Amino acid sequence: MQSLRHQRVRQLLRREIGEIIRREIPVADAGLITVNDVGVAGDLQSATVFVGIIGTADQKRKGFALLQKTRLRIQDLVGRAIVLKYTPRLRFVLDDSVARGNRVLEIIEEIERSQSPS
């Protein structure tokens, strides 16, 4: 179980990284990028940012490439906005849990429709 400090840092990073991405990366090029979760290492020196990208396949590809390209800039802006001893080194991971969840809901609806008497 993570300490209260880790939980607070995770929430703060999630909120601040989401705001920075919203300001820095245009939606028209990259789709809508959401920060789903942030995992922070025990020493708070690295963080894994789980992002979801809503848009076309091309927008998803471009959006993730833009995140990788602007990682250092985002990391720098996080360091200026959040006062920590060390600014965490960010690593972006594409999180498709929302898409998988939507697919599960679609399957459940299909099953319910096929079983309901008409």
C-alpha atoms as a PDB file:
ATOM      1  CA  MET A   1       0.000   0.000   0.000  1.00  0.00           C
ATOM      2  CA  GLN A   2       1.308   3.411  -0.919  1.00  0.00           C
ATOM      3  CA  SER A   3       1.795   6.120   1.633  1.00  0.00           C
ATOM      4  CA  LEU A   4      -0.399   9.173   1.751  1.00  0.00           C
ATOM      5  CA  ARG A   5       2.480  11.208   0.308  1.00  0.00           C
ATOM      6  CA  HIS A   6       2.735   8.926  -2.736  1.00  0.00           C
ATOM      7  CA  GLN A   7      -1.003   9.150  -3.331  1.00  0.00           C
ATOM      8  CA  ARG A   8      -0.935  12.933  -3.106  1.00  0.00           C
ATOM      9  CA  VAL A   9       2.058  13.174  -5.465  1.00  0.00           C
ATOM     10  CA  ARG A  10       0.340  10.832  -7.963  1.00  0.00           C
ATOM     11  CA  GLN A  11      -2.840  12.913  -7.943  1.00  0.00           C
ATOM     12  CA  LEU A  12      -0.924  16.161  -8.235  1.00  0.00           C
ATOM     13  CA  LEU A  13       1.171  14.859 -11.138  1.00  0.00           C
ATOM     14  CA  ARG A  14      -1.908  13.486 -12.906  1.00  0.00           C
ATOM     15  CA  ARG A  15      -3.724  16.799 -12.674  1.00  0.00           C
ATOM     16  CA  GLU A  16      -0.726  18.942 -13.655  1.00  0.00           C
ATOM     17  CA  ILE A  17       0.407  16.721 -16.555  1.00  0.00           C
ATOM     18  CA  GLY A  18      -3.158  16.699 -17.882  1.00  0.00           C
ATOM     19  CA  GLU A  19      -3.261  20.501 -17.835  1.00  0.00           C
ATOM     20  CA  ILE A  20       0.135  20.788 -19.513  1.00  0.00           C
ATOM     21  CA  ILE A  21      -0.853  18.363 -22.267  1.00  0.00           C
ATOM     22  CA  ARG A  22      -4.106  20.247 -22.791  1.00  0.00           C
ATOM     23  CA  ARG A  23      -2.161  23.510 -23.232  1.00  0.00           C
ATOM     24  CA  GLU A  24       0.818  22.223 -25.223  1.00  0.00           C
ATOM     25  CA  ILE A  25      -0.573  19.638 -27.670  1.00  0.00           C
ATOM     26  CA  PRO A  26      -3.293  20.666 -30.159  1.00  0.00           C
ATOM     27  CA  VAL A  27      -6.356  18.406 -30.264  1.00  0.00           C
ATOM     28  CA  ALA A  28      -6.674  18.709 -34.059  1.00  0.00           C
ATOM     29  CA  ASP A  29      -3.310  17.005 -34.587  1.00  0.00           C
ATOM     30  CA  ALA A  30      -3.180  14.520 -31.733  1.00  0.00           C
ATOM     31  CA  GLY A  31      -6.762  13.777 -30.798  1.00  0.00           C
ATOM     32  CA  LEU A  32      -7.984  14.209 -27.243  1.00  0.00           C
ATOM     33  CA  ILE A  33      -5.263  13.048 -24.852  1.00  0.00           C
ATOM     34  CA  THR A  34      -6.335  12.126 -21.333  1.00  0.00           C
ATOM     35  CA  VAL A  35      -4.130  11.209 -18.390  1.00  0.00           C
ATOM     36  CA  ASN A  36      -5.770   8.125 -16.889  1.00  0.00           C
ATOM     37  CA  ASP A  37      -3.280   7.410 -14.114  1.00  0.00           C
ATOM     38  CA  VAL A  38       0.266   8.068 -12.947  1.00  0.00           C
ATOM     39  CA  GLY A  39       2.478   5.484 -11.311  1.00  0.00           C
ATOM     40  CA  VAL A  40       5.269   6.902  -9.168  1.00  0.00           C
ATOM     41  CA  ALA A  41       8.430   5.034  -8.143  1.00  0.00           C
ATOM     42  CA  GLY A  42       9.194   4.657  -4.460  1.00  0.00           C
ATOM     43  CA  ASP A  43      11.937   7.282  -4.578  1.00  0.00           C
ATOM     44  CA  LEU A  44       9.694   9.719  -6.545  1.00  0.00           C
ATOM     45  CA  GLN A  45      12.387  10.100  -9.225  1.00  0.00           C
ATOM     46  CA  SER A  46      10.450   8.462 -12.066  1.00  0.00           C
ATOM     47  CA  ALA A  47       6.817   8.310 -13.056  1.00  0.00           C
ATOM     48  CA  THR A  48       4.865   6.270 -15.590  1.00  0.00           C
ATOM     49  CA  VAL A  49       2.035   8.272 -17.132  1.00  0.00           C
ATOM     50  CA  PHE A  50      -0.832   6.186 -18.518  1.00  0.00           C
ATOM     51  CA  VAL A  51      -2.550   8.145 -21.298  1.00  0.00           C
ATOM     52  CA  GLY A  52      -5.587   7.480 -23.414  1.00  0.00           C
ATOM     53  CA  ILE A  53      -6.032   9.063 -26.823  1.00  0.00           C
ATOM     54  CA  ILE A  54      -9.480   9.566 -28.313  1.00  0.00           C
ATOM     55  CA  GLY A  55      -9.531  10.080 -32.052  1.00  0.00           C
ATOM     56  CA  THR A  56      -8.764   8.359 -35.326  1.00  0.00           C
ATOM     57  CA  ALA A  57      -5.992   5.782 -35.618  1.00  0.00           C
ATOM     58  CA  ASP A  58      -3.809   8.410 -37.308  1.00  0.00           C
ATOM     59  CA  GLN A  59      -4.461  10.902 -34.491  1.00  0.00           C
ATOM     60  CA  LYS A  60      -3.601   8.252 -31.894  1.00  0.00           C
ATOM     61  CA  ARG A  61      -0.312   7.487 -33.620  1.00  0.00           C
ATOM     62  CA  LYS A  62       0.548  11.186 -34.006  1.00  0.00           C
ATOM     63  CA  GLY A  63      -0.566  11.979 -30.472  1.00  0.00           C
ATOM     64  CA  PHE A  64       1.643   9.344 -28.897  1.00  0.00           C
ATOM     65  CA  ALA A  65       4.569  10.422 -31.079  1.00  0.00           C
ATOM     66  CA  LEU A  66       4.030  14.043 -29.977  1.00  0.00           C
ATOM     67  CA  LEU A  67       4.009  12.962 -26.328  1.00  0.00           C
ATOM     68  CA  GLN A  68       7.313  11.169 -26.808  1.00  0.00           C
ATOM     69  CA  LYS A  69       8.773  14.145 -28.662  1.00  0.00           C
ATOM     70  CA  THR A  70       7.672  16.737 -26.071  1.00  0.00           C
ATOM     71  CA  ARG A  71       8.408  14.562 -23.017  1.00  0.00           C
ATOM     72  CA  LEU A  72      11.322  16.702 -21.832  1.00  0.00           C
ATOM     73  CA  ARG A  73       9.342  19.931 -22.243  1.00  0.00           C
ATOM     74  CA  ILE A  74       6.409  18.463 -20.297  1.00  0.00           C
ATOM     75  CA  GLN A  75       8.830  17.233 -17.632  1.00  0.00           C
ATOM     76  CA  ASP A  76      10.363  20.717 -17.394  1.00  0.00           C
ATOM     77  CA  LEU A  77       6.940  22.359 -17.036  1.00  0.00           C
ATOM     78  CA  VAL A  78       5.980  19.845 -14.345  1.00  0.00           C
ATOM     79  CA  GLY A  79       9.187  20.695 -12.483  1.00  0.00           C
ATOM     80  CA  ARG A  80       8.307  24.375 -12.546  1.00  0.00           C
ATOM     81  CA  ALA A  81       4.710  23.827 -11.429  1.00  0.00           C
ATOM     82  CA  ILE A  82       5.250  21.248  -8.688  1.00  0.00           C
ATOM     83  CA  VAL A  83       7.799  21.731  -5.940  1.00  0.00           C
ATOM     84  CA  LEU A  84       9.517  18.414  -5.248  1.00  0.00           C
ATOM     85  CA  LYS A  85      13.099  17.580  -4.352  1.00  0.00           C
ATOM     86  CA  TYR A  86      13.468  15.790  -7.709  1.00  0.00           C
ATOM     87  CA  THR A  87      11.331  16.269 -10.788  1.00  0.00           C
ATOM     88  CA  PRO A  88      10.207  12.777 -11.778  1.00  0.00           C
ATOM     89  CA  ARG A  89      11.498  11.437 -15.103  1.00  0.00           C
ATOM     90  CA  LEU A  90       8.340  10.862 -17.134  1.00  0.00           C
ATOM     91  CA  ARG A  91       7.573   7.831 -19.259  1.00  0.00           C
ATOM     92  CA  PHE A  92       4.380   7.746 -21.314  1.00  0.00           C
ATOM     93  CA  VAL A  93       2.450   4.498 -21.830  1.00  0.00           C
ATOM     94  CA  LEU A  94      -0.614   4.177 -24.042  1.00  0.00           C
ATOM     95  CA  ASP A  95      -3.505   2.953 -21.889  1.00  0.00           C
ATOM     96  CA  ASP A  96      -6.360   1.345 -23.785  1.00  0.00           C
ATOM     97  CA  SER A  97      -8.353   0.338 -20.694  1.00  0.00           C
ATOM     98  CA  VAL A  98     -11.224   2.685 -21.603  1.00  0.00           C
ATOM     99  CA  ALA A  99     -11.549   1.117 -25.069  1.00  0.00           C
ATOM    100  CA  ARG A 100     -11.408  -2.383 -23.552  1.00  0.00           C
ATOM    101  CA  GLY A 101     -14.068  -1.407 -21.010  1.00  0.00           C
ATOM    102  CA  ASN A 102     -16.333  -0.052 -23.734  1.00  0.00           C
ATOM    103  CA  ARG A 103     -15.885  -3.284 -25.712  1.00  0.00           C
ATOM    104  CA  VAL A 104     -16.864  -5.354 -22.652  1.00  0.00           C
ATOM    105  CA  LEU A 105     -20.009  -3.235 -22.234  1.00  0.00           C
ATOM    106  CA  GLU A 106     -20.881  -3.765 -25.914  1.00  0.00           C
ATOM    107  CA  ILE A 107     -20.513  -7.527 -25.516  1.00  0.00           C
ATOM    108  CA  ILE A 108     -22.736  -7.518 -22.428  1.00  0.00           C
ATOM    109  CA  GLU A 109     -25.395  -5.533 -24.304  1.00  0.00           C
ATOM    110  CA  GLU A 110     -25.239  -7.987 -27.234  1.00  0.00           C
ATOM    111  CA  ILE A 111     -25.693 -10.914 -24.855  1.00  0.00           C
ATOM    112  CA  GLU A 112     -28.637  -9.231 -23.130  1.00  0.00           C
ATOM    113  CA  ARG A 113     -30.298  -8.481 -26.493  1.00  0.00           C
ATOM    114  CA  SER A 114     -29.859 -12.052 -27.713  1.00  0.00           C
ATOM    115  CA  GLN A 115     -31.309 -13.503 -24.485  1.00  0.00           C
ATOM    116  CA  SER A 116     -34.272 -11.147 -24.109  1.00  0.00           C
ATOM    117  CA  PRO A 117     -37.566 -12.610 -25.392  1.00  0.00           C
ATOM    118  CA  SER A 118     -39.000 -10.580 -28.249  1.00  0.00           C
END
